[in-house]
């Protein structure tokens, strides 16, 4: 018989451009899911920033992506749960221009990144 895995599909409305507030809200949902026996928590796309690429501060916020991936890694270890933190928008520089990547990670219960998918089209 195939193993049964309890998955928490977390839906939340992110406050635009409020990374820490949105992370804390997501972390509370993940802790609750883990306490109820979930083995995997999946968050929605753009749950940290919302999607406001024309806002002048958006790119600067996207530069913080590594901070939040690390926070999700720590949370996975704390709660002993796998996490797919929706998609996180990353900014990288190419020929002096900031480019955005929409990346989804798979973080295992030991806090290791075991998978990454980069969306090809951001729209």
PDB file of N, CA and C in Angstrom:
ATOM      1  N   UNK A   1       0.839  -1.178   0.000  1.00  0.00           N
ATOM      2  CA  UNK A   1       0.000   0.000   0.000  1.00  0.00           C
ATOM      3  C   UNK A   1       0.888   1.247   0.000  1.00  0.00           C
ATOM      4  N   UNK A   2       0.489   2.229  -0.752  1.00  0.00           N
ATOM      5  CA  UNK A   2       1.232   3.486  -0.825  1.00  0.00           C
ATOM      6  C   UNK A   2       1.121   4.236   0.500  1.00  0.00           C
ATOM      7  N   UNK A   3       2.169   4.952   0.882  1.00  0.00           N
ATOM      8  CA  UNK A   3       2.105   5.710   2.136  1.00  0.00           C
ATOM      9  C   UNK A   3       1.103   6.854   2.040  1.00  0.00           C
ATOM     10  N   UNK A   4       0.528   7.184   3.169  1.00  0.00           N
ATOM     11  CA  UNK A   4      -0.412   8.299   3.245  1.00  0.00           C
ATOM     12  C   UNK A   4       0.326   9.492   3.847  1.00  0.00           C
ATOM     13  N   UNK A   5       0.212  10.626   3.202  1.00  0.00           N
ATOM     14  CA  UNK A   5       0.877  11.844   3.669  1.00  0.00           C
ATOM     15  C   UNK A   5      -0.190  12.903   3.927  1.00  0.00           C
ATOM     16  N   UNK A   6      -0.117  13.514   5.093  1.00  0.00           N
ATOM     17  CA  UNK A   6      -1.046  14.588   5.433  1.00  0.00           C
ATOM     18  C   UNK A   6      -0.445  15.909   4.950  1.00  0.00           C
ATOM     19  N   UNK A   7      -1.177  16.599   4.073  1.00  0.00           N
ATOM     20  CA  UNK A   7      -0.709  17.836   3.458  1.00  0.00           C
ATOM     21  C   UNK A   7      -1.595  18.989   3.903  1.00  0.00           C
ATOM     22  N   UNK A   8      -0.968  20.098   4.285  1.00  0.00           N
ATOM     23  CA  UNK A   8      -1.697  21.323   4.626  1.00  0.00           C
ATOM     24  C   UNK A   8      -1.560  22.291   3.456  1.00  0.00           C
ATOM     25  N   UNK A   9      -2.681  22.586   2.827  1.00  0.00           N
ATOM     26  CA  UNK A   9      -2.718  23.582   1.762  1.00  0.00           C
ATOM     27  C   UNK A   9      -3.134  24.891   2.434  1.00  0.00           C
ATOM     28  N   UNK A  10      -2.218  25.816   2.518  1.00  0.00           N
ATOM     29  CA  UNK A  10      -2.449  27.046   3.277  1.00  0.00           C
ATOM     30  C   UNK A  10      -2.792  28.179   2.321  1.00  0.00           C
ATOM     31  N   UNK A  11      -3.941  28.780   2.550  1.00  0.00           N
ATOM     32  CA  UNK A  11      -4.365  29.924   1.753  1.00  0.00           C
ATOM     33  C   UNK A  11      -4.370  31.131   2.669  1.00  0.00           C
ATOM     34  N   UNK A  12      -3.731  32.196   2.225  1.00  0.00           N
ATOM     35  CA  UNK A  12      -3.738  33.418   3.023  1.00  0.00           C
ATOM     36  C   UNK A  12      -3.683  34.613   2.091  1.00  0.00           C
ATOM     37  N   UNK A  13      -4.193  35.718   2.579  1.00  0.00           N
ATOM     38  CA  UNK A  13      -4.127  36.946   1.798  1.00  0.00           C
ATOM     39  C   UNK A  13      -2.916  37.736   2.269  1.00  0.00           C
ATOM     40  N   UNK A  14      -1.913  37.905   1.403  1.00  0.00           N
ATOM     41  CA  UNK A  14      -0.731  38.649   1.823  1.00  0.00           C
ATOM     42  C   UNK A  14      -0.981  40.154   1.814  1.00  0.00           C
ATOM     43  N   UNK A  15      -0.444  40.827   2.820  1.00  0.00           N
ATOM     44  CA  UNK A  15      -0.472  42.288   2.817  1.00  0.00           C
ATOM     45  C   UNK A  15       0.606  42.726   1.831  1.00  0.00           C
ATOM     46  N   UNK A  16       0.249  43.539   0.847  1.00  0.00           N
ATOM     47  CA  UNK A  16       1.238  43.940  -0.151  1.00  0.00           C
ATOM     48  C   UNK A  16       2.485  44.558   0.476  1.00  0.00           C
ATOM     49  N   UNK A  17       3.631  44.032   0.069  1.00  0.00           N
ATOM     50  CA  UNK A  17       4.942  44.574   0.418  1.00  0.00           C
ATOM     51  C   UNK A  17       5.287  44.455   1.903  1.00  0.00           C
ATOM     52  N   UNK A  18       4.642  43.568   2.628  1.00  0.00           N
ATOM     53  CA  UNK A  18       4.873  43.395   4.071  1.00  0.00           C
ATOM     54  C   UNK A  18       5.482  42.018   4.336  1.00  0.00           C
ATOM     55  N   UNK A  19       6.736  41.830   3.938  1.00  0.00           N
ATOM     56  CA  UNK A  19       7.376  40.517   3.999  1.00  0.00           C
ATOM     57  C   UNK A  19       7.327  39.890   5.381  1.00  0.00           C
ATOM     58  N   UNK A  20       7.770  40.609   6.393  1.00  0.00           N
ATOM     59  CA  UNK A  20       7.870  40.010   7.725  1.00  0.00           C
ATOM     60  C   UNK A  20       6.496  39.668   8.285  1.00  0.00           C
ATOM     61  N   UNK A  21       5.537  40.547   8.109  1.00  0.00           N
ATOM     62  CA  UNK A  21       4.170  40.283   8.567  1.00  0.00           C
ATOM     63  C   UNK A  21       3.599  39.052   7.865  1.00  0.00           C
ATOM     64  N   UNK A  22       3.800  38.977   6.557  1.00  0.00           N
ATOM     65  CA  UNK A  22       3.292  37.829   5.793  1.00  0.00           C
ATOM     66  C   UNK A  22       4.009  36.542   6.176  1.00  0.00           C
ATOM     67  N   UNK A  23       5.319  36.646   6.428  1.00  0.00           N
ATOM     68  CA  UNK A  23       6.045  35.455   6.867  1.00  0.00           C
ATOM     69  C   UNK A  23       5.509  34.966   8.213  1.00  0.00           C
ATOM     70  N   UNK A  24       5.314  35.879   9.151  1.00  0.00           N
ATOM     71  CA  UNK A  24       4.831  35.484  10.481  1.00  0.00           C
ATOM     72  C   UNK A  24       3.459  34.823  10.396  1.00  0.00           C
ATOM     73  N   UNK A  25       2.597  35.360   9.541  1.00  0.00           N
ATOM     74  CA  UNK A  25       1.274  34.757   9.352  1.00  0.00           C
ATOM     75  C   UNK A  25       1.417  33.334   8.800  1.00  0.00           C
ATOM     76  N   UNK A  26       2.276  33.170   7.788  1.00  0.00           N
ATOM     77  CA  UNK A  26       2.498  31.848   7.198  1.00  0.00           C
ATOM     78  C   UNK A  26       3.116  30.897   8.219  1.00  0.00           C
ATOM     79  N   UNK A  27       4.073  31.387   8.998  1.00  0.00           N
ATOM     80  CA  UNK A  27       4.731  30.549  10.006  1.00  0.00           C
ATOM     81  C   UNK A  27       3.728  30.048  11.039  1.00  0.00           C
ATOM     82  N   UNK A  28       2.797  30.894  11.443  1.00  0.00           N
ATOM     83  CA  UNK A  28       1.765  30.473  12.398  1.00  0.00           C
ATOM     84  C   UNK A  28       0.902  29.364  11.813  1.00  0.00           C
ATOM     85  N   UNK A  29       0.525  29.497  10.544  1.00  0.00           N
ATOM     86  CA  UNK A  29      -0.261  28.446   9.886  1.00  0.00           C
ATOM     87  C   UNK A  29       0.545  27.144   9.797  1.00  0.00           C
ATOM     88  N   UNK A  30       1.823  27.252   9.487  1.00  0.00           N
ATOM     89  CA  UNK A  30       2.657  26.050   9.363  1.00  0.00           C
ATOM     90  C   UNK A  30       2.814  25.368  10.720  1.00  0.00           C
ATOM     91  N   UNK A  31       3.043  26.143  11.759  1.00  0.00           N
ATOM     92  CA  UNK A  31       3.160  25.544  13.101  1.00  0.00           C
ATOM     93  C   UNK A  31       1.865  24.832  13.490  1.00  0.00           C
ATOM     94  N   UNK A  32       0.743  25.445  13.177  1.00  0.00           N
ATOM     95  CA  UNK A  32      -0.550  24.839  13.480  1.00  0.00           C
ATOM     96  C   UNK A  32      -0.726  23.534  12.685  1.00  0.00           C
ATOM     97  N   UNK A  33      -0.367  23.567  11.413  1.00  0.00           N
ATOM     98  CA  UNK A  33      -0.496  22.367  10.565  1.00  0.00           C
ATOM     99  C   UNK A  33       0.384  21.241  11.097  1.00  0.00           C
ATOM    100  N   UNK A  34       1.612  21.575  11.477  1.00  0.00           N
ATOM    101  CA  UNK A  34       2.525  20.555  12.007  1.00  0.00           C
ATOM    102  C   UNK A  34       1.981  19.970  13.302  1.00  0.00           C
ATOM    103  N   UNK A  35       1.403  20.819  14.148  1.00  0.00           N
ATOM    104  CA  UNK A  35       0.830  20.343  15.418  1.00  0.00           C
ATOM    105  C   UNK A  35      -0.346  19.398  15.181  1.00  0.00           C
ATOM    106  N   UNK A  36      -1.002  19.528  14.017  1.00  0.00           N
ATOM    107  CA  UNK A  36      -2.131  18.671  13.675  1.00  0.00           C
ATOM    108  C   UNK A  36      -1.701  17.458  12.844  1.00  0.00           C
ATOM    109  N   UNK A  37      -0.386  17.257  12.724  1.00  0.00           N
ATOM    110  CA  UNK A  37       0.113  16.052  12.069  1.00  0.00           C
ATOM    111  C   UNK A  37       0.441  16.183  10.592  1.00  0.00           C
ATOM    112  N   UNK A  38       0.388  17.380  10.047  1.00  0.00           N
ATOM    113  CA  UNK A  38       0.739  17.537   8.634  1.00  0.00           C
ATOM    114  C   UNK A  38       2.222  17.253   8.441  1.00  0.00           C
ATOM    115  N   UNK A  39       2.548  16.631   7.317  1.00  0.00           N
ATOM    116  CA  UNK A  39       3.936  16.327   6.978  1.00  0.00           C
ATOM    117  C   UNK A  39       4.472  17.265   5.906  1.00  0.00           C
ATOM    118  N   UNK A  40       3.560  17.958   5.231  1.00  0.00           N
ATOM    119  CA  UNK A  40       3.925  18.893   4.167  1.00  0.00           C
ATOM    120  C   UNK A  40       2.984  20.087   4.240  1.00  0.00           C
ATOM    121  N   UNK A  41       3.562  21.291   4.184  1.00  0.00           N
ATOM    122  CA  UNK A  41       2.772  22.522   4.136  1.00  0.00           C
ATOM    123  C   UNK A  41       3.092  23.243   2.836  1.00  0.00           C
ATOM    124  N   UNK A  42       2.053  23.658   2.119  1.00  0.00           N
ATOM    125  CA  UNK A  42       2.216  24.337   0.832  1.00  0.00           C
ATOM    126  C   UNK A  42       1.544  25.697   0.920  1.00  0.00           C
ATOM    127  N   UNK A  43       2.314  26.734   0.595  1.00  0.00           N
ATOM    128  CA  UNK A  43       1.820  28.116   0.639  1.00  0.00           C
ATOM    129  C   UNK A  43       1.518  28.615  -0.770  1.00  0.00           C
ATOM    130  N   UNK A  44       0.752  29.697  -0.885  1.00  0.00           N
ATOM    131  CA  UNK A  44       0.403  30.217  -2.210  1.00  0.00           C
ATOM    132  C   UNK A  44       1.534  31.023  -2.863  1.00  0.00           C
ATOM    133  N   UNK A  45       1.390  31.186  -4.145  1.00  0.00           N
ATOM    134  CA  UNK A  45       2.307  32.002  -4.930  1.00  0.00           C
ATOM    135  C   UNK A  45       2.283  33.449  -4.423  1.00  0.00           C
ATOM    136  N   UNK A  46       3.438  34.081  -4.421  1.00  0.00           N
ATOM    137  CA  UNK A  46       3.587  35.502  -4.052  1.00  0.00           C
ATOM    138  C   UNK A  46       3.102  35.815  -2.642  1.00  0.00           C
ATOM    139  N   UNK A  47       3.137  34.861  -1.739  1.00  0.00           N
ATOM    140  CA  UNK A  47       2.585  35.072  -0.402  1.00  0.00           C
ATOM    141  C   UNK A  47       3.412  36.038   0.452  1.00  0.00           C
ATOM    142  N   UNK A  48       4.656  36.291   0.091  1.00  0.00           N
ATOM    143  CA  UNK A  48       5.454  37.232   0.883  1.00  0.00           C
ATOM    144  C   UNK A  48       5.262  38.678   0.444  1.00  0.00           C
ATOM    145  N   UNK A  49       5.208  38.903  -0.854  1.00  0.00           N
ATOM    146  CA  UNK A  49       5.206  40.274  -1.373  1.00  0.00           C
ATOM    147  C   UNK A  49       3.893  40.707  -2.009  1.00  0.00           C
ATOM    148  N   UNK A  50       3.091  39.762  -2.442  1.00  0.00           N
ATOM    149  CA  UNK A  50       2.022  40.007  -3.387  1.00  0.00           C
ATOM    150  C   UNK A  50       2.725  40.312  -4.713  1.00  0.00           C
ATOM    151  N   UNK A  51       2.005  40.625  -5.765  1.00  0.00           N
ATOM    152  CA  UNK A  51       2.627  40.849  -7.070  1.00  0.00           C
ATOM    153  C   UNK A  51       2.431  42.299  -7.470  1.00  0.00           C
ATOM    154  N   UNK A  52       3.458  43.110  -7.186  1.00  0.00           N
ATOM    155  CA  UNK A  52       3.415  44.543  -7.492  1.00  0.00           C
ATOM    156  C   UNK A  52       4.723  44.964  -8.166  1.00  0.00           C
ATOM    157  N   UNK A  53       5.042  44.404  -9.323  1.00  0.00           N
ATOM    158  CA  UNK A  53       6.352  44.651  -9.934  1.00  0.00           C
ATOM    159  C   UNK A  53       6.592  46.095 -10.354  1.00  0.00           C
ATOM    160  N   UNK A  54       5.554  46.891 -10.494  1.00  0.00           N
ATOM    161  CA  UNK A  54       5.727  48.287 -10.894  1.00  0.00           C
ATOM    162  C   UNK A  54       6.013  49.206  -9.707  1.00  0.00           C
ATOM    163  N   UNK A  55       5.805  48.710  -8.500  1.00  0.00           N
ATOM    164  CA  UNK A  55       6.106  49.504  -7.305  1.00  0.00           C
ATOM    165  C   UNK A  55       7.620  49.657  -7.194  1.00  0.00           C
ATOM    166  N   UNK A  56       8.121  50.879  -6.987  1.00  0.00           N
ATOM    167  CA  UNK A  56       9.573  51.093  -6.919  1.00  0.00           C
ATOM    168  C   UNK A  56      10.272  50.288  -5.815  1.00  0.00           C
ATOM    169  N   UNK A  57       9.585  49.947  -4.750  1.00  0.00           N
ATOM    170  CA  UNK A  57      10.190  49.196  -3.651  1.00  0.00           C
ATOM    171  C   UNK A  57      10.149  47.680  -3.866  1.00  0.00           C
ATOM    172  N   UNK A  58       9.410  47.228  -4.852  1.00  0.00           N
ATOM    173  CA  UNK A  58       9.241  45.784  -5.057  1.00  0.00           C
ATOM    174  C   UNK A  58      10.577  45.079  -5.276  1.00  0.00           C
ATOM    175  N   UNK A  59      11.397  45.607  -6.159  1.00  0.00           N
ATOM    176  CA  UNK A  59      12.689  44.985  -6.438  1.00  0.00           C
ATOM    177  C   UNK A  59      13.565  44.891  -5.212  1.00  0.00           C
ATOM    178  N   UNK A  60      13.583  45.959  -4.411  1.00  0.00           N
ATOM    179  CA  UNK A  60      14.382  45.950  -3.185  1.00  0.00           C
ATOM    180  C   UNK A  60      13.909  44.855  -2.232  1.00  0.00           C
ATOM    181  N   UNK A  61      12.599  44.681  -2.127  1.00  0.00           N
ATOM    182  CA  UNK A  61      12.071  43.623  -1.269  1.00  0.00           C
ATOM    183  C   UNK A  61      12.448  42.244  -1.804  1.00  0.00           C
ATOM    184  N   UNK A  62      12.444  42.110  -3.118  1.00  0.00           N
ATOM    185  CA  UNK A  62      12.797  40.823  -3.728  1.00  0.00           C
ATOM    186  C   UNK A  62      14.259  40.465  -3.494  1.00  0.00           C
ATOM    187  N   UNK A  63      15.094  41.472  -3.204  1.00  0.00           N
ATOM    188  CA  UNK A  63      16.496  41.204  -2.882  1.00  0.00           C
ATOM    189  C   UNK A  63      16.640  40.443  -1.565  1.00  0.00           C
ATOM    190  N   UNK A  64      15.596  40.419  -0.756  1.00  0.00           N
ATOM    191  CA  UNK A  64      15.637  39.748   0.545  1.00  0.00           C
ATOM    192  C   UNK A  64      15.247  38.269   0.480  1.00  0.00           C
ATOM    193  N   UNK A  65      15.095  37.721  -0.696  1.00  0.00           N
ATOM    194  CA  UNK A  65      14.597  36.357  -0.852  1.00  0.00           C
ATOM    195  C   UNK A  65      15.392  35.330  -0.051  1.00  0.00           C
ATOM    196  N   UNK A  66      16.717  35.475  -0.005  1.00  0.00           N
ATOM    197  CA  UNK A  66      17.530  34.482   0.713  1.00  0.00           C
ATOM    198  C   UNK A  66      17.244  34.472   2.213  1.00  0.00           C
ATOM    199  N   UNK A  67      16.966  35.632   2.763  1.00  0.00           N
ATOM    200  CA  UNK A  67      16.626  35.729   4.186  1.00  0.00           C
ATOM    201  C   UNK A  67      15.403  34.872   4.493  1.00  0.00           C
ATOM    202  N   UNK A  68      14.392  34.957   3.628  1.00  0.00           N
ATOM    203  CA  UNK A  68      13.142  34.242   3.885  1.00  0.00           C
ATOM    204  C   UNK A  68      13.236  32.757   3.540  1.00  0.00           C
ATOM    205  N   UNK A  69      14.016  32.397   2.558  1.00  0.00           N
ATOM    206  CA  UNK A  69      14.244  30.971   2.308  1.00  0.00           C
ATOM    207  C   UNK A  69      14.904  30.355   3.537  1.00  0.00           C
ATOM    208  N   UNK A  70      15.889  31.051   4.112  1.00  0.00           N
ATOM    209  CA  UNK A  70      16.558  30.561   5.325  1.00  0.00           C
ATOM    210  C   UNK A  70      15.566  30.456   6.482  1.00  0.00           C
ATOM    211  N   UNK A  71      14.668  31.432   6.620  1.00  0.00           N
ATOM    212  CA  UNK A  71      13.667  31.370   7.691  1.00  0.00           C
ATOM    213  C   UNK A  71      12.762  30.151   7.509  1.00  0.00           C
ATOM    214  N   UNK A  72      12.406  29.841   6.267  1.00  0.00           N
ATOM    215  CA  UNK A  72      11.582  28.650   6.020  1.00  0.00           C
ATOM    216  C   UNK A  72      12.375  27.375   6.294  1.00  0.00           C
ATOM    217  N   UNK A  73      13.659  27.378   6.009  1.00  0.00           N
ATOM    218  CA  UNK A  73      14.484  26.214   6.325  1.00  0.00           C
ATOM    219  C   UNK A  73      14.514  25.995   7.844  1.00  0.00           C
ATOM    220  N   UNK A  74      14.705  27.066   8.592  1.00  0.00           N
ATOM    221  CA  UNK A  74      14.720  26.961  10.053  1.00  0.00           C
ATOM    222  C   UNK A  74      13.373  26.502  10.595  1.00  0.00           C
ATOM    223  N   UNK A  75      12.289  27.018  10.003  1.00  0.00           N
ATOM    224  CA  UNK A  75      10.943  26.640  10.437  1.00  0.00           C
ATOM    225  C   UNK A  75      10.670  25.162  10.153  1.00  0.00           C
ATOM    226  N   UNK A  76      11.133  24.673   9.003  1.00  0.00           N
ATOM    227  CA  UNK A  76      10.959  23.251   8.669  1.00  0.00           C
ATOM    228  C   UNK A  76      11.628  22.373   9.720  1.00  0.00           C
ATOM    229  N   UNK A  77      12.841  22.752  10.121  1.00  0.00           N
ATOM    230  CA  UNK A  77      13.550  21.990  11.165  1.00  0.00           C
ATOM    231  C   UNK A  77      12.817  22.086  12.497  1.00  0.00           C
ATOM    232  N   UNK A  78      12.404  23.288  12.858  1.00  0.00           N
ATOM    233  CA  UNK A  78      11.698  23.496  14.130  1.00  0.00           C
ATOM    234  C   UNK A  78      10.448  22.635  14.222  1.00  0.00           C
ATOM    235  N   UNK A  79       9.695  22.568  13.135  1.00  0.00           N
ATOM    236  CA  UNK A  79       8.399  21.876  13.139  1.00  0.00           C
ATOM    237  C   UNK A  79       8.471  20.449  12.598  1.00  0.00           C
ATOM    238  N   UNK A  80       9.642  20.027  12.099  1.00  0.00           N
ATOM    239  CA  UNK A  80       9.795  18.704  11.502  1.00  0.00           C
ATOM    240  C   UNK A  80       8.743  18.467  10.410  1.00  0.00           C
ATOM    241  N   UNK A  81       8.711  19.414   9.460  1.00  0.00           N
ATOM    242  CA  UNK A  81       7.726  19.369   8.387  1.00  0.00           C
ATOM    243  C   UNK A  81       8.390  19.814   7.082  1.00  0.00           C
ATOM    244  N   UNK A  82       7.962  19.248   5.967  1.00  0.00           N
ATOM    245  CA  UNK A  82       8.405  19.723   4.656  1.00  0.00           C
ATOM    246  C   UNK A  82       7.577  20.951   4.298  1.00  0.00           C
ATOM    247  N   UNK A  83       8.212  21.906   3.631  1.00  0.00           N
ATOM    248  CA  UNK A  83       7.530  23.154   3.274  1.00  0.00           C
ATOM    249  C   UNK A  83       7.808  23.490   1.818  1.00  0.00           C
ATOM    250  N   UNK A  84       6.739  23.844   1.102  1.00  0.00           N
ATOM    251  CA  UNK A  84       6.855  24.482  -0.210  1.00  0.00           C
ATOM    252  C   UNK A  84       6.327  25.897   0.014  1.00  0.00           C
ATOM    253  N   UNK A  85       7.258  26.863   0.165  1.00  0.00           N
ATOM    254  CA  UNK A  85       6.812  28.221   0.481  1.00  0.00           C
ATOM    255  C   UNK A  85       6.296  28.980  -0.739  1.00  0.00           C
ATOM    256  N   UNK A  86       5.286  28.417  -1.359  1.00  0.00           N
ATOM    257  CA  UNK A  86       4.685  29.059  -2.529  1.00  0.00           C
ATOM    258  C   UNK A  86       5.757  29.371  -3.551  1.00  0.00           C
ATOM    259  N   UNK A  87       5.710  30.568  -4.075  1.00  0.00           N
ATOM    260  CA  UNK A  87       6.823  31.045  -4.889  1.00  0.00           C
ATOM    261  C   UNK A  87       7.362  32.295  -4.223  1.00  0.00           C
ATOM    262  N   UNK A  88       8.647  32.450  -4.334  1.00  0.00           N
ATOM    263  CA  UNK A  88       9.331  33.601  -3.774  1.00  0.00           C
ATOM    264  C   UNK A  88       9.989  34.327  -4.941  1.00  0.00           C
ATOM    265  N   UNK A  89       9.731  35.620  -5.046  1.00  0.00           N
ATOM    266  CA  UNK A  89      10.305  36.382  -6.147  1.00  0.00           C
ATOM    267  C   UNK A  89      11.732  36.774  -5.773  1.00  0.00           C
ATOM    268  N   UNK A  90      12.659  36.407  -6.652  1.00  0.00           N
ATOM    269  CA  UNK A  90      14.076  36.706  -6.466  1.00  0.00           C
ATOM    270  C   UNK A  90      14.499  37.710  -7.531  1.00  0.00           C
ATOM    271  N   UNK A  91      15.366  38.636  -7.132  1.00  0.00           N
ATOM    272  CA  UNK A  91      15.917  39.556  -8.132  1.00  0.00           C
ATOM    273  C   UNK A  91      17.398  39.246  -8.317  1.00  0.00           C
ATOM    274  N   UNK A  92      17.807  39.163  -9.564  1.00  0.00           N
ATOM    275  CA  UNK A  92      19.218  38.999  -9.886  1.00  0.00           C
ATOM    276  C   UNK A  92      19.571  40.053 -10.935  1.00  0.00           C
ATOM    277  N   UNK A  93      20.845  40.297 -11.081  1.00  0.00           N
ATOM    278  CA  UNK A  93      21.301  41.361 -11.973  1.00  0.00           C
ATOM    279  C   UNK A  93      21.973  40.771 -13.210  1.00  0.00           C
ATOM    280  N   UNK A  94      21.546  41.276 -14.361  1.00  0.00           N
ATOM    281  CA  UNK A  94      22.107  40.840 -15.637  1.00  0.00           C
ATOM    282  C   UNK A  94      22.337  42.085 -16.487  1.00  0.00           C
ATOM    283  N   UNK A  95      23.588  42.321 -16.828  1.00  0.00           N
ATOM    284  CA  UNK A  95      23.968  43.486 -17.635  1.00  0.00           C
ATOM    285  C   UNK A  95      23.433  44.777 -17.028  1.00  0.00           C
ATOM    286  N   UNK A  96      23.536  44.900 -15.708  1.00  0.00           N
ATOM    287  CA  UNK A  96      23.125  46.113 -15.009  1.00  0.00           C
ATOM    288  C   UNK A  96      21.630  46.283 -14.811  1.00  0.00           C
ATOM    289  N   UNK A  97      20.860  45.304 -15.221  1.00  0.00           N
ATOM    290  CA  UNK A  97      19.401  45.384 -15.091  1.00  0.00           C
ATOM    291  C   UNK A  97      18.894  44.309 -14.138  1.00  0.00           C
ATOM    292  N   UNK A  98      17.999  44.721 -13.240  1.00  0.00           N
ATOM    293  CA  UNK A  98      17.402  43.767 -12.307  1.00  0.00           C
ATOM    294  C   UNK A  98      16.362  42.905 -12.996  1.00  0.00           C
ATOM    295  N   UNK A  99      16.538  41.594 -12.920  1.00  0.00           N
ATOM    296  CA  UNK A  99      15.590  40.630 -13.490  1.00  0.00           C
ATOM    297  C   UNK A  99      14.924  39.884 -12.344  1.00  0.00           C
ATOM    298  N   UNK A 100      13.657  39.547 -12.520  1.00  0.00           N
ATOM    299  CA  UNK A 100      12.915  38.835 -11.489  1.00  0.00           C
ATOM    300  C   UNK A 100      12.764  37.360 -11.841  1.00  0.00           C
ATOM    301  N   UNK A 101      12.928  36.513 -10.834  1.00  0.00           N
ATOM    302  CA  UNK A 101      12.667  35.085 -10.957  1.00  0.00           C
ATOM    303  C   UNK A 101      11.559  34.730  -9.979  1.00  0.00           C
ATOM    304  N   UNK A 102      10.647  33.899 -10.406  1.00  0.00           N
ATOM    305  CA  UNK A 102       9.579  33.402  -9.554  1.00  0.00           C
ATOM    306  C   UNK A 102       9.922  31.951  -9.240  1.00  0.00           C
ATOM    307  N   UNK A 103      10.458  31.721  -8.033  1.00  0.00           N
ATOM    308  CA  UNK A 103      11.007  30.405  -7.695  1.00  0.00           C
ATOM    309  C   UNK A 103      10.207  29.713  -6.600  1.00  0.00           C
ATOM    310  N   UNK A 104      10.004  28.422  -6.785  1.00  0.00           N
ATOM    311  CA  UNK A 104       9.362  27.586  -5.770  1.00  0.00           C
ATOM    312  C   UNK A 104      10.410  26.600  -5.258  1.00  0.00           C
ATOM    313  N   UNK A 105      10.504  26.498  -3.942  1.00  0.00           N
ATOM    314  CA  UNK A 105      11.455  25.597  -3.299  1.00  0.00           C
ATOM    315  C   UNK A 105      10.708  24.454  -2.635  1.00  0.00           C
ATOM    316  N   UNK A 106      11.404  23.318  -2.488  1.00  0.00           N
ATOM    317  CA  UNK A 106      10.920  22.227  -1.645  1.00  0.00           C
ATOM    318  C   UNK A 106      11.951  22.065  -0.546  1.00  0.00           C
ATOM    319  N   UNK A 107      11.514  22.262   0.697  1.00  0.00           N
ATOM    320  CA  UNK A 107      12.384  22.190   1.859  1.00  0.00           C
ATOM    321  C   UNK A 107      11.951  20.986   2.685  1.00  0.00           C
ATOM    322  N   UNK A 108      12.898  20.099   2.991  1.00  0.00           N
ATOM    323  CA  UNK A 108      12.546  18.888   3.740  1.00  0.00           C
ATOM    324  C   UNK A 108      12.513  19.162   5.251  1.00  0.00           C
ATOM    325  N   UNK A 109      12.083  18.187   6.053  1.00  0.00           N
ATOM    326  CA  UNK A 109      11.951  18.410   7.502  1.00  0.00           C
ATOM    327  C   UNK A 109      13.276  18.683   8.224  1.00  0.00           C
ATOM    328  N   UNK A 110      14.396  18.412   7.567  1.00  0.00           N
ATOM    329  CA  UNK A 110      15.696  18.728   8.149  1.00  0.00           C
ATOM    330  C   UNK A 110      16.150  20.139   7.760  1.00  0.00           C
ATOM    331  N   UNK A 111      15.310  20.844   7.004  1.00  0.00           N
ATOM    332  CA  UNK A 111      15.620  22.205   6.599  1.00  0.00           C
ATOM    333  C   UNK A 111      16.490  22.310   5.355  1.00  0.00           C
ATOM    334  N   UNK A 112      16.650  21.207   4.657  1.00  0.00           N
ATOM    335  CA  UNK A 112      17.470  21.201   3.442  1.00  0.00           C
ATOM    336  C   UNK A 112      16.608  21.509   2.223  1.00  0.00           C
ATOM    337  N   UNK A 113      17.152  22.279   1.309  1.00  0.00           N
ATOM    338  CA  UNK A 113      16.477  22.515   0.026  1.00  0.00           C
ATOM    339  C   UNK A 113      16.743  21.298  -0.846  1.00  0.00           C
ATOM    340  N   UNK A 114      15.686  20.580  -1.188  1.00  0.00           N
ATOM    341  CA  UNK A 114      15.843  19.370  -1.990  1.00  0.00           C
ATOM    342  C   UNK A 114      15.273  19.535  -3.394  1.00  0.00           C
ATOM    343  N   UNK A 115      14.687  20.712  -3.666  1.00  0.00           N
ATOM    344  CA  UNK A 115      14.173  20.981  -4.996  1.00  0.00           C
ATOM    345  C   UNK A 115      13.927  22.458  -5.191  1.00  0.00           C
ATOM    346  N   UNK A 116      14.052  22.899  -6.446  1.00  0.00           N
ATOM    347  CA  UNK A 116      13.763  24.290  -6.809  1.00  0.00           C
ATOM    348  C   UNK A 116      13.223  24.297  -8.229  1.00  0.00           C
ATOM    349  N   UNK A 117      12.142  25.035  -8.420  1.00  0.00           N
ATOM    350  CA  UNK A 117      11.564  25.201  -9.750  1.00  0.00           C
ATOM    351  C   UNK A 117      11.454  26.694 -10.017  1.00  0.00           C
ATOM    352  N   UNK A 118      11.931  27.139 -11.179  1.00  0.00           N
ATOM    353  CA  UNK A 118      11.814  28.538 -11.571  1.00  0.00           C
ATOM    354  C   UNK A 118      10.778  28.639 -12.668  1.00  0.00           C
ATOM    355  N   UNK A 119       9.742  29.404 -12.403  1.00  0.00           N
ATOM    356  CA  UNK A 119       8.674  29.618 -13.378  1.00  0.00           C
ATOM    357  C   UNK A 119       9.237  30.367 -14.584  1.00  0.00           C
ATOM    358  N   UNK A 120       8.862  29.942 -15.771  1.00  0.00           N
ATOM    359  CA  UNK A 120       9.416  30.530 -16.993  1.00  0.00           C
ATOM    360  C   UNK A 120       8.787  31.882 -17.336  1.00  0.00           C
ATOM    361  N   UNK A 121       7.495  32.018 -17.124  1.00  0.00           N
ATOM    362  CA  UNK A 121       6.787  33.267 -17.419  1.00  0.00           C
ATOM    363  C   UNK A 121       6.199  33.818 -16.137  1.00  0.00           C
ATOM    364  N   UNK A 122       6.424  35.099 -15.868  1.00  0.00           N
ATOM    365  CA  UNK A 122       5.940  35.685 -14.617  1.00  0.00           C
ATOM    366  C   UNK A 122       4.510  36.217 -14.717  1.00  0.00           C
ATOM    367  N   UNK A 123       3.849  36.033 -15.799  1.00  0.00           N
ATOM    368  CA  UNK A 123       2.480  36.526 -15.928  1.00  0.00           C
ATOM    369  C   UNK A 123       1.516  35.394 -16.074  1.00  0.00           C
TER     370      UNK A 123
END
